[in-house]
N, C-alpha and C. Protein backbone atom coordinates (compact mmCIF):
# COMPACT_ATOMS: atom_id res chain seq x y z
N MET A 1 1.09 -1.00 0.22
CA MET A 1 0.25 -0.05 -0.20
C MET A 1 0.96 1.19 -0.05
N GLU A 2 0.80 2.14 -0.98
CA GLU A 2 1.52 3.10 -0.99
C GLU A 2 0.88 4.59 -0.15
N TYR A 3 1.82 5.13 0.37
CA TYR A 3 1.33 6.25 1.58
C TYR A 3 1.35 7.64 0.74
N GLN A 4 0.19 8.16 1.14
CA GLN A 4 -0.83 9.26 -0.30
C GLN A 4 -0.54 10.26 1.04
N ASP A 5 -1.62 11.28 0.54
CA ASP A 5 -2.05 12.10 1.49
C ASP A 5 -2.71 11.88 2.43
N HIS A 6 -3.60 10.62 1.70
CA HIS A 6 -4.81 10.14 2.54
C HIS A 6 -4.65 8.68 2.73
N LEU A 7 -5.00 8.02 3.79
CA LEU A 7 -4.71 6.47 4.30
C LEU A 7 -6.21 6.01 4.15
N ASN A 8 -6.61 5.49 3.40
CA ASN A 8 -8.26 4.68 3.07
C ASN A 8 -7.99 3.32 4.09
N VAL A 9 -8.58 3.31 5.31
CA VAL A 9 -8.37 2.30 5.99
C VAL A 9 -9.72 1.86 6.29
N MET A 10 -9.97 0.89 6.08
CA MET A 10 -11.29 0.11 6.37
C MET A 10 -12.73 1.01 5.85
N GLY A 11 -12.08 1.47 4.62
CA GLY A 11 -12.91 2.28 4.39
C GLY A 11 -13.42 3.86 4.74
N ASN A 12 -12.45 4.24 5.53
CA ASN A 12 -12.34 5.69 6.47
C ASN A 12 -10.85 6.26 6.07
N LEU A 13 -10.95 7.59 5.63
CA LEU A 13 -9.69 8.40 5.10
C LEU A 13 -9.22 8.67 6.57
N ILE A 14 -8.27 8.73 7.15
CA ILE A 14 -7.40 9.35 8.21
C ILE A 14 -6.47 10.02 7.43
N PRO A 15 -6.81 11.50 7.24
CA PRO A 15 -5.54 12.56 6.98
C PRO A 15 -4.34 12.28 7.71
N THR A 16 -3.15 12.34 6.71
CA THR A 16 -1.64 12.57 7.29
C THR A 16 -1.74 13.46 8.19
N GLU A 17 -2.26 14.66 8.27
CA GLU A 17 -2.01 15.87 9.39
C GLU A 17 -2.63 15.29 10.66
N ARG A 18 -3.72 14.48 10.64
CA ARG A 18 -4.24 13.97 11.99
C ARG A 18 -2.73 13.01 12.74
N ILE A 19 -2.25 12.00 11.88
CA ILE A 19 -1.32 11.78 12.25
C ILE A 19 -0.28 12.44 12.86
N GLU A 20 0.01 13.43 12.03
CA GLU A 20 1.31 14.83 12.30
C GLU A 20 0.94 15.36 13.44
N LYS A 21 -0.24 15.88 13.74
CA LYS A 21 -0.96 16.67 14.93
C LYS A 21 -0.75 15.65 16.12
N SER A 22 -0.70 14.58 16.09
CA SER A 22 -0.64 13.52 17.21
C SER A 22 0.60 13.45 17.44
N ILE A 23 1.31 13.58 16.68
CA ILE A 23 3.19 13.16 17.47
C ILE A 23 3.60 14.46 18.22
N LEU A 24 3.83 14.14 19.13
CA LEU A 24 4.39 15.43 20.15
C LEU A 24 5.77 15.11 20.39
N PHE A 25 6.36 16.10 21.39
CA PHE A 25 7.84 16.12 21.47
C PHE A 25 7.62 16.07 23.00
N ILE A 26 8.12 15.48 23.58
CA ILE A 26 7.91 15.16 25.36
C ILE A 26 9.33 14.39 25.46
N ARG A 27 10.29 14.94 26.48
CA ARG A 27 11.44 14.32 26.59
C ARG A 27 12.18 13.96 25.77
N ARG A 28 12.36 15.03 24.82
CA ARG A 28 12.70 15.42 23.79
C ARG A 28 13.06 13.84 22.78
N GLN A 29 11.98 13.84 22.54
CA GLN A 29 11.38 12.87 21.61
C GLN A 29 10.49 12.96 21.25
N LYS A 30 10.02 12.30 20.04
CA LYS A 30 8.74 12.23 19.31
C LYS A 30 7.94 11.46 19.90
N VAL A 31 6.89 11.83 20.03
CA VAL A 31 6.08 10.15 20.57
C VAL A 31 4.38 10.68 20.39
N MET A 32 3.96 9.68 20.54
CA MET A 32 2.13 9.27 19.77
C MET A 32 2.02 9.08 21.66
N LEU A 33 0.72 9.66 22.06
CA LEU A 33 -0.23 9.33 23.20
C LEU A 33 -1.06 7.80 22.57
N ASP A 34 -0.98 7.06 23.77
CA ASP A 34 -1.89 6.35 23.69
C ASP A 34 -3.48 6.08 23.50
N ALA A 35 -3.91 7.57 23.74
CA ALA A 35 -5.52 8.01 23.55
C ALA A 35 -5.63 7.93 21.99
N ASP A 36 -4.15 9.03 21.49
CA ASP A 36 -4.18 9.21 19.80
C ASP A 36 -4.41 7.97 19.08
N LEU A 37 -3.48 6.94 19.63
CA LEU A 37 -3.03 5.35 18.97
C LEU A 37 -4.24 4.72 18.80
N ALA A 38 -5.16 4.82 19.88
CA ALA A 38 -6.53 3.95 20.27
C ALA A 38 -7.38 4.50 19.19
N ALA A 39 -7.39 5.77 18.91
CA ALA A 39 -8.30 6.64 18.55
C ALA A 39 -7.98 6.08 16.78
N LEU A 40 -7.09 6.00 16.24
CA LEU A 40 -6.54 5.57 15.26
C LEU A 40 -6.66 4.20 14.81
N TYR A 41 -6.23 3.50 16.03
CA TYR A 41 -6.49 1.87 15.80
C TYR A 41 -8.06 1.46 15.68
N GLY A 42 -8.60 2.29 16.09
CA GLY A 42 -10.12 1.81 16.15
C GLY A 42 -10.60 1.14 17.55
N VAL A 43 -9.79 1.21 18.65
CA VAL A 43 -10.10 0.82 19.61
C VAL A 43 -10.14 1.66 20.55
N GLU A 44 -10.46 1.06 22.00
CA GLU A 44 -10.57 2.08 23.51
C GLU A 44 -9.28 1.93 23.72
N THR A 45 -9.06 3.02 24.80
CA THR A 45 -7.50 3.28 25.24
C THR A 45 -7.11 2.51 25.95
N TYR A 46 -8.09 1.63 26.82
CA TYR A 46 -7.99 0.83 28.07
C TYR A 46 -7.73 -0.60 27.44
N ASN A 47 -8.72 -0.75 26.18
CA ASN A 47 -7.81 -2.50 25.52
C ASN A 47 -6.52 -1.92 24.94
N LEU A 48 -6.20 -0.90 24.41
CA LEU A 48 -4.79 -0.95 24.10
C LEU A 48 -3.91 -1.25 24.99
N ASN A 49 -4.11 -0.21 25.94
CA ASN A 49 -3.24 -0.38 27.35
C ASN A 49 -3.40 -1.74 27.96
N LYS A 50 -3.93 -2.51 27.72
CA LYS A 50 -4.54 -3.70 28.37
C LYS A 50 -3.72 -4.52 27.67
N SER A 51 -3.88 -4.60 26.28
CA SER A 51 -2.56 -5.26 25.23
C SER A 51 -0.89 -4.94 25.64
N VAL A 52 -0.88 -3.69 26.07
CA VAL A 52 0.65 -3.46 26.20
C VAL A 52 1.00 -3.75 27.29
N LYS A 53 0.21 -3.60 28.43
CA LYS A 53 0.65 -4.56 29.72
C LYS A 53 0.79 -6.39 29.56
N ARG A 54 -0.05 -6.72 28.68
CA ARG A 54 0.00 -7.86 28.55
C ARG A 54 1.43 -8.19 27.94
N ASN A 55 2.24 -7.57 27.51
CA ASN A 55 3.30 -7.73 26.31
C ASN A 55 3.90 -6.77 26.94
N MET A 56 4.57 -6.69 28.04
CA MET A 56 5.37 -5.39 28.61
C MET A 56 6.92 -5.87 27.94
N GLU A 57 7.02 -7.06 28.19
CA GLU A 57 8.47 -7.12 27.96
C GLU A 57 8.97 -7.14 26.36
N ARG A 58 7.84 -6.38 25.13
CA ARG A 58 8.25 -5.74 24.10
C ARG A 58 8.38 -4.37 23.79
N PHE A 59 7.81 -3.58 25.48
CA PHE A 59 8.07 -2.40 25.30
C PHE A 59 8.87 -1.76 26.41
N PRO A 60 10.58 -1.53 26.29
CA PRO A 60 11.74 -1.07 27.17
C PRO A 60 11.11 0.27 27.16
N LYS A 61 12.02 1.19 28.21
CA LYS A 61 11.65 2.34 28.43
C LYS A 61 11.78 3.39 27.30
N HIS A 62 12.61 2.73 26.12
CA HIS A 62 13.22 3.88 25.03
C HIS A 62 11.95 3.22 23.94
N PHE A 63 11.05 2.71 24.28
CA PHE A 63 9.61 2.29 23.37
C PHE A 63 8.49 3.25 24.07
N MET A 64 8.15 3.10 25.41
CA MET A 64 7.53 3.44 25.43
C MET A 64 7.52 3.79 27.01
N PHE A 65 6.73 4.92 27.52
CA PHE A 65 6.81 5.56 28.98
C PHE A 65 5.69 5.88 29.50
N GLN A 66 5.61 6.11 30.52
CA GLN A 66 4.48 7.48 31.00
C GLN A 66 4.91 8.19 31.08
N LEU A 67 3.70 9.16 31.29
CA LEU A 67 4.04 10.52 31.76
C LEU A 67 3.74 10.84 32.58
N THR A 68 4.80 11.83 33.61
CA THR A 68 4.49 11.96 34.91
C THR A 68 3.32 12.74 35.46
N ASP A 69 3.07 12.71 36.45
CA ASP A 69 1.72 13.83 36.53
C ASP A 69 2.05 15.21 36.44
N GLN A 70 3.37 15.50 36.67
CA GLN A 70 3.72 16.86 36.32
C GLN A 70 3.97 16.93 34.53
N GLU A 71 4.06 16.16 33.79
CA GLU A 71 4.63 16.25 32.52
C GLU A 71 3.09 16.37 31.98
N PHE A 72 1.31 15.60 33.04
CA PHE A 72 1.00 15.50 32.40
C PHE A 72 -0.34 16.59 32.02
N ASN A 73 -0.01 17.07 33.27
CA ASN A 73 -0.29 18.61 33.86
C ASN A 73 -0.29 19.53 32.84
N GLN A 74 1.09 19.37 32.50
CA GLN A 74 1.60 20.65 31.28
C GLN A 74 1.03 19.90 30.04
N LEU A 75 1.04 18.90 29.41
CA LEU A 75 0.07 18.55 28.54
C LEU A 75 -1.18 19.17 28.79
N LYS A 76 -2.03 18.95 29.48
CA LYS A 76 -3.29 19.39 29.50
C LYS A 76 -3.13 21.39 29.59
N ASN A 77 -2.82 21.65 30.17
CA ASN A 77 -2.47 22.98 30.42
C ASN A 77 -1.93 23.51 28.67
N ALA A 78 -0.99 23.00 28.16
CA ALA A 78 -0.44 23.18 26.33
C ALA A 78 -1.46 23.01 25.42
N LEU A 79 -1.96 21.85 25.69
CA LEU A 79 -3.43 21.96 24.69
C LEU A 79 -4.31 22.65 24.90
N SER A 80 -5.23 22.65 23.83
CA SER A 80 -6.45 23.40 23.87
C SER A 80 -7.84 22.40 24.62
N ASP A 81 -8.79 22.87 24.91
CA ASP A 81 -9.71 22.36 25.79
C ASP A 81 -10.91 21.28 24.57
N SER A 82 -10.82 21.75 23.40
CA SER A 82 -11.64 20.88 22.59
C SER A 82 -10.53 19.58 22.35
N ILE A 83 -9.65 19.56 22.48
CA ILE A 83 -8.33 18.59 21.94
C ILE A 83 -8.35 17.83 22.80
N MET A 84 -8.33 18.16 24.07
CA MET A 84 -8.25 17.59 25.62
C MET A 84 -9.45 16.60 25.46
N LYS A 85 -10.84 17.34 25.25
CA LYS A 85 -12.20 17.08 25.62
C LYS A 85 -11.88 15.47 24.78
N THR A 86 -11.68 15.45 23.14
CA THR A 86 -11.46 14.45 22.50
C THR A 86 -10.72 13.41 22.83
N GLN A 87 -9.56 13.64 23.45
CA GLN A 87 -8.63 12.29 23.79
C GLN A 87 -8.99 12.02 24.95
N PHE A 88 -9.31 12.51 26.37
CA PHE A 88 -8.90 12.29 27.62
C PHE A 88 -10.34 12.04 27.76
N GLY A 89 -11.09 12.59 27.07
CA GLY A 89 -13.27 12.46 27.81
C GLY A 89 -12.84 13.00 28.96
N ILE A 90 -13.55 13.90 29.12
CA ILE A 90 -13.92 14.83 30.47
C ILE A 90 -15.14 14.63 30.90
N SER A 91 -15.53 14.58 32.26
CA SER A 91 -16.72 14.20 32.79
C SER A 91 -16.98 15.52 33.40
N LYS A 92 -18.25 15.52 34.17
CA LYS A 92 -18.93 16.98 35.00
C LYS A 92 -18.19 17.04 35.98
N SER A 93 -17.14 16.27 36.43
CA SER A 93 -15.91 16.78 37.58
C SER A 93 -15.05 17.36 37.02
N GLY A 94 -14.77 17.29 35.80
CA GLY A 94 -13.49 18.06 35.62
C GLY A 94 -12.89 16.81 34.62
N TRP A 95 -12.09 16.35 35.18
CA TRP A 95 -10.62 15.38 34.50
C TRP A 95 -11.29 13.91 34.97
N GLY A 96 -12.35 13.60 35.21
CA GLY A 96 -12.51 12.11 35.88
C GLY A 96 -12.21 11.39 34.67
N GLY A 97 -12.30 11.61 33.47
CA GLY A 97 -12.35 10.60 32.01
C GLY A 97 -11.06 9.97 32.06
N ARG A 98 -10.25 10.22 32.79
CA ARG A 98 -8.50 9.87 32.41
C ARG A 98 -7.84 9.84 33.79
N ARG A 99 -7.96 8.96 34.34
CA ARG A 99 -7.44 8.58 35.77
C ARG A 99 -6.00 8.46 35.94
N THR A 100 -5.13 8.08 34.98
CA THR A 100 -4.00 7.86 34.90
C THR A 100 -3.14 8.94 33.97
N PRO A 101 -1.89 8.90 34.01
CA PRO A 101 -1.30 9.77 32.97
C PRO A 101 -1.28 8.88 31.44
N PRO A 102 -1.47 9.52 30.47
CA PRO A 102 -1.13 8.30 29.52
C PRO A 102 0.27 7.49 29.15
N PHE A 103 0.57 6.41 28.01
CA PHE A 103 1.37 6.08 27.77
C PHE A 103 2.47 6.72 26.46
N ALA A 104 3.11 7.22 26.50
CA ALA A 104 3.89 7.97 25.10
C ALA A 104 4.88 6.52 24.55
N PHE A 105 4.30 6.78 23.40
CA PHE A 105 4.86 5.57 22.40
C PHE A 105 5.59 6.31 21.17
N THR A 106 7.64 6.01 21.60
CA THR A 106 8.27 6.46 20.42
C THR A 106 7.97 6.02 19.43
N GLU A 107 8.80 6.39 18.30
CA GLU A 107 8.49 5.50 16.83
C GLU A 107 8.70 4.00 16.85
N GLN A 108 9.67 3.43 17.74
CA GLN A 108 9.36 2.16 17.82
C GLN A 108 8.91 1.35 18.77
N GLY A 109 8.37 1.92 19.69
CA GLY A 109 6.82 1.45 20.23
C GLY A 109 5.91 1.27 19.33
N VAL A 110 5.84 2.26 18.62
CA VAL A 110 4.40 2.28 17.50
C VAL A 110 4.96 0.93 16.51
N ALA A 111 6.11 0.85 16.22
CA ALA A 111 6.42 -0.31 15.36
C ALA A 111 6.00 -1.59 15.93
N MET A 112 6.47 -1.54 17.02
CA MET A 112 6.10 -3.01 18.26
C MET A 112 5.14 -3.18 18.68
N LEU A 113 3.85 -2.23 18.42
CA LEU A 113 2.32 -2.28 18.39
C LEU A 113 1.90 -3.35 17.80
N SER A 114 2.58 -3.30 16.33
CA SER A 114 1.89 -3.85 15.43
C SER A 114 2.47 -5.86 15.51
N SER A 115 3.23 -5.96 16.43
CA SER A 115 3.50 -7.16 17.04
C SER A 115 2.32 -7.94 18.32
N ILE A 116 1.39 -6.98 18.30
CA ILE A 116 0.49 -7.19 19.19
C ILE A 116 -1.00 -7.09 18.83
N LEU A 117 -0.97 -6.07 18.13
CA LEU A 117 -2.74 -5.40 17.57
C LEU A 117 -2.32 -5.94 15.96
N LYS A 118 -3.46 -7.28 15.87
CA LYS A 118 -3.07 -7.56 14.34
C LYS A 118 -4.11 -7.63 13.56
N SER A 119 -4.96 -6.69 13.75
CA SER A 119 -6.11 -6.62 12.84
C SER A 119 -5.38 -5.74 11.57
N LYS A 120 -6.16 -6.00 10.04
CA LYS A 120 -5.88 -5.03 9.17
C LYS A 120 -5.73 -3.53 9.38
N GLN A 121 -6.84 -3.15 9.57
CA GLN A 121 -6.94 -1.76 10.00
C GLN A 121 -5.39 -1.06 11.08
N ALA A 122 -5.09 -2.28 11.78
CA ALA A 122 -4.09 -1.60 12.96
C ALA A 122 -2.42 -2.01 12.00
N ILE A 123 -2.64 -3.01 11.31
CA ILE A 123 -1.21 -3.09 10.63
C ILE A 123 -1.48 -1.50 9.20
N GLN A 124 -2.31 -1.37 8.41
CA GLN A 124 -2.36 -0.25 7.84
C GLN A 124 -2.19 0.98 8.87
N VAL A 125 -2.66 1.19 9.77
CA VAL A 125 -2.49 2.64 10.75
C VAL A 125 -1.08 2.63 10.93
N ASN A 126 -0.30 1.37 11.29
CA ASN A 126 1.03 1.45 11.54
C ASN A 126 1.59 1.88 10.82
N ILE A 127 2.05 0.99 9.36
CA ILE A 127 2.59 1.52 8.02
C ILE A 127 2.61 3.54 8.05
N ALA A 128 1.14 3.86 8.09
CA ALA A 128 1.16 5.27 8.05
C ALA A 128 1.53 6.16 8.90
N ILE A 129 1.83 5.56 10.01
CA ILE A 129 2.25 6.24 11.48
C ILE A 129 4.13 6.01 10.94
N ILE A 130 4.34 4.94 10.87
CA ILE A 130 5.75 4.83 10.41
C ILE A 130 6.51 5.86 9.65
N ASP A 131 6.05 5.57 8.69
CA ASP A 131 6.14 6.62 7.61
C ASP A 131 5.92 7.68 7.58
N THR A 132 5.17 8.25 8.51
CA THR A 132 5.11 9.85 8.98
C THR A 132 6.39 10.34 9.52
N PHE A 133 6.44 9.37 10.59
CA PHE A 133 7.95 9.15 11.40
C PHE A 133 9.06 9.39 10.85
N VAL A 134 9.32 8.72 9.69
CA VAL A 134 10.40 8.85 8.65
C VAL A 134 10.28 10.13 8.07
N ARG A 135 9.26 10.74 7.68
CA ARG A 135 9.19 11.63 6.61
C ARG A 135 9.56 12.67 7.27
N LEU A 136 9.07 12.92 8.73
CA LEU A 136 9.73 14.06 9.62
C LEU A 136 11.12 14.25 9.65
N ARG A 137 11.56 12.82 10.06
CA ARG A 137 12.63 12.82 10.07
C ARG A 137 13.61 13.30 8.98
N GLN A 138 13.00 13.03 7.68
CA GLN A 138 13.92 13.37 6.65
C GLN A 138 13.72 15.24 6.55
N MET A 139 12.56 15.76 6.69
CA MET A 139 12.54 17.22 6.98
C MET A 139 13.34 17.59 7.60
N ILE A 140 13.61 17.33 9.11
CA ILE A 140 14.57 17.85 9.88
C ILE A 140 16.04 17.53 9.30
N SER A 141 16.26 16.39 8.21
CA SER A 141 17.58 16.37 7.68
C SER A 141 17.71 17.38 7.06
N SER A 142 16.92 17.63 5.97
CA SER A 142 17.34 18.52 4.90
C SER A 142 17.27 20.00 5.50
N HIS A 143 16.44 20.33 6.35
CA HIS A 143 16.59 21.50 7.16
C HIS A 143 17.87 21.55 7.81
N THR A 144 18.95 20.56 8.34
CA THR A 144 20.36 20.80 8.48
C THR A 144 20.90 21.02 7.46
N ASP A 145 20.57 19.90 6.81
CA ASP A 145 21.30 20.31 5.35
C ASP A 145 21.45 21.65 5.01
N LEU A 146 20.25 22.25 4.96
CA LEU A 146 20.31 23.43 4.39
C LEU A 146 20.99 24.89 5.08
N VAL A 147 20.67 24.34 6.23
CA VAL A 147 21.50 25.68 7.58
C VAL A 147 22.87 25.24 6.82
N ARG A 148 23.63 24.33 6.89
CA ARG A 148 24.82 23.73 6.62
C ARG A 148 25.48 24.26 4.71
N LYS A 149 24.49 24.51 4.09
CA LYS A 149 24.90 24.97 2.82
C LYS A 149 25.06 26.67 2.95
N ILE A 150 24.04 27.29 3.86
CA ILE A 150 24.06 28.35 3.66
C ILE A 150 25.18 29.08 4.74
N ASN A 151 25.09 28.31 5.50
CA ASN A 151 26.68 28.61 6.18
C ASN A 151 27.71 28.77 5.05
N HIS A 152 28.00 27.44 4.33
CA HIS A 152 28.85 27.29 3.60
C HIS A 152 28.84 28.76 2.23
N LEU A 153 27.71 28.83 2.12
CA LEU A 153 27.75 29.80 0.96
C LEU A 153 28.47 31.51 1.83
N GLU A 154 27.88 31.71 2.79
CA GLU A 154 28.52 33.05 3.73
C GLU A 154 29.81 32.96 3.49
N LYS A 155 30.24 31.86 4.12
CA LYS A 155 31.60 31.59 4.24
C LYS A 155 32.63 32.31 2.77
N LYS A 156 31.91 31.99 1.76
CA LYS A 156 32.15 31.57 0.31
C LYS A 156 32.54 33.12 0.15
N TYR A 157 31.32 33.83 -0.11
CA TYR A 157 30.68 35.29 -0.57
C TYR A 157 31.10 36.35 0.70
N ASP A 158 31.45 37.10 0.11
CA ASP A 158 31.87 38.75 1.07
C ASP A 158 30.57 39.27 1.82
N HIS A 159 31.02 39.91 2.31
CA HIS A 159 29.82 40.42 3.63
C HIS A 159 28.87 41.53 3.30
N GLN A 160 28.54 41.58 1.88
CA GLN A 160 27.54 42.06 1.04
C GLN A 160 26.51 41.24 0.81
N PHE A 161 26.53 40.20 1.34
CA PHE A 161 25.07 39.37 1.16
C PHE A 161 24.93 38.98 2.62
N LYS A 162 25.53 39.64 3.52
CA LYS A 162 25.37 38.97 5.08
C LYS A 162 23.76 39.86 5.40
N ALA A 163 23.55 40.13 4.97
CA ALA A 163 21.89 40.52 5.07
C ALA A 163 20.92 39.57 4.31
N VAL A 164 21.18 39.27 3.60
CA VAL A 164 20.24 37.73 2.59
C VAL A 164 20.52 36.75 3.66
N PHE A 165 21.65 36.60 3.92
CA PHE A 165 21.63 35.32 4.64
C PHE A 165 21.24 35.69 6.10
N ASP A 166 21.35 36.81 6.79
CA ASP A 166 20.86 36.68 8.25
C ASP A 166 19.25 36.72 7.83
N ALA A 167 18.57 37.23 6.75
CA ALA A 167 17.27 37.18 6.68
C ALA A 167 16.57 35.82 6.62
N LEU A 168 17.43 34.50 5.51
CA LEU A 168 17.19 33.34 5.70
C LEU A 168 16.99 32.37 6.55
N ARG A 169 18.62 32.92 7.47
CA ARG A 169 18.05 32.32 8.86
C ARG A 169 16.92 32.83 9.71
N GLN A 170 16.62 33.72 9.75
CA GLN A 170 15.23 33.93 10.31
C GLN A 170 13.96 34.19 9.55
N LEU A 171 14.23 33.21 8.88
CA LEU A 171 12.94 32.67 8.03
C LEU A 171 12.76 30.75 8.30
N MET A 172 13.83 30.80 8.60
CA MET A 172 14.13 29.15 9.00
C MET A 172 13.82 28.79 10.54
N ASN A 173 13.69 29.93 11.32
CA ASN A 173 13.59 29.66 13.08
C ASN A 173 12.51 30.27 13.02
N PRO A 174 11.70 29.46 13.42
CA PRO A 174 10.35 29.72 14.09
C PRO A 174 10.46 31.07 15.37
N THR A 175 9.42 31.69 14.85
CA THR A 175 9.04 33.18 16.03
C THR A 175 8.82 32.48 17.07
N THR A 176 9.30 32.38 18.35
CA THR A 176 8.21 32.45 19.50
C THR A 176 7.21 33.54 20.17
N ASP A 177 6.66 33.13 20.79
CA ASP A 177 5.66 34.34 21.40
C ASP A 177 6.35 35.27 22.12
N ASN A 178 7.33 35.44 22.32
CA ASN A 178 8.32 36.54 23.40
C ASN A 178 8.80 36.80 21.91
N ASN A 179 9.06 36.87 20.86
CA ASN A 179 9.31 37.53 19.74
C ASN A 179 8.43 38.06 18.43
N LYS A 180 7.16 37.91 18.89
CA LYS A 180 6.61 38.10 17.82
C LYS A 180 5.94 39.62 18.33
N ARG A 181 5.78 40.56 17.01
CA ARG A 181 5.05 41.88 17.16
C ARG A 181 3.97 41.97 17.24
N LEU A 182 3.54 42.86 18.45
CA LEU A 182 2.32 42.97 18.32
C LEU A 182 1.33 43.89 17.30
N ILE A 183 0.26 43.68 16.77
CA ILE A 183 -0.32 44.13 15.92
C ILE A 183 -1.35 45.11 15.71
N GLY A 184 -1.34 46.29 15.76
CA GLY A 184 -2.87 46.66 16.11
C GLY A 184 -2.68 48.19 17.40
N PHE A 185 -3.52 48.64 18.02
CA PHE A 185 -3.55 50.10 19.01
C PHE A 185 -2.95 49.02 20.33
N GLU A 186 -2.98 49.65 21.37
CA GLU A 186 -3.28 49.42 22.76
C GLU A 186 -3.95 50.49 23.41
N ARG A 187 -4.93 50.94 24.17
CA ARG A 187 -5.48 51.75 24.73
C ARG A 187 -4.60 52.63 25.93
N ASP A 188 -4.52 53.52 25.81
CA ASP A 188 -4.14 54.13 27.16
C ASP A 188 -4.93 53.92 28.47
N LYS A 189 -4.56 53.67 29.50
CA LYS A 189 -5.15 53.20 30.72
C LYS A 189 -5.04 54.47 31.17
């Protein structure tokens, strides 16, 4: 099955953007949370985690880890309410839908899930997720190559192009909220 802009799984289209948005950066690793994986596989999070716990020897710490309470709270604060409601289920009492912090699966952990989840949908979803991880790694690699080439060109040419190289570097680095300029007017108090 070729990987395209959408993955047809059991008649359902899964946009690659959905997979990409599910990949988070936690503990300096790209990971996917158990609830996101369960949704993609079409199973309950509880059942996914139960299958994993029955096969813990397949999931060393660099394949899967459980978020700490602090990491989970930071994640809840970082993500919007609508995303968290769909991922973790919110009851009337607030965060009653999820009693424990989620498990995070690295790329290797996602690959290992294919050995315990045997459905056709799980296999196809795993292929799409692994392809997405590979594509992200290739994008990061090409970004590094581009930085190296710009540095080489900067050394090769004199200072008349310094402004161009500085502008290129600014375009390549995403701005943080602290660096964004405010647009509009602020009312005097």
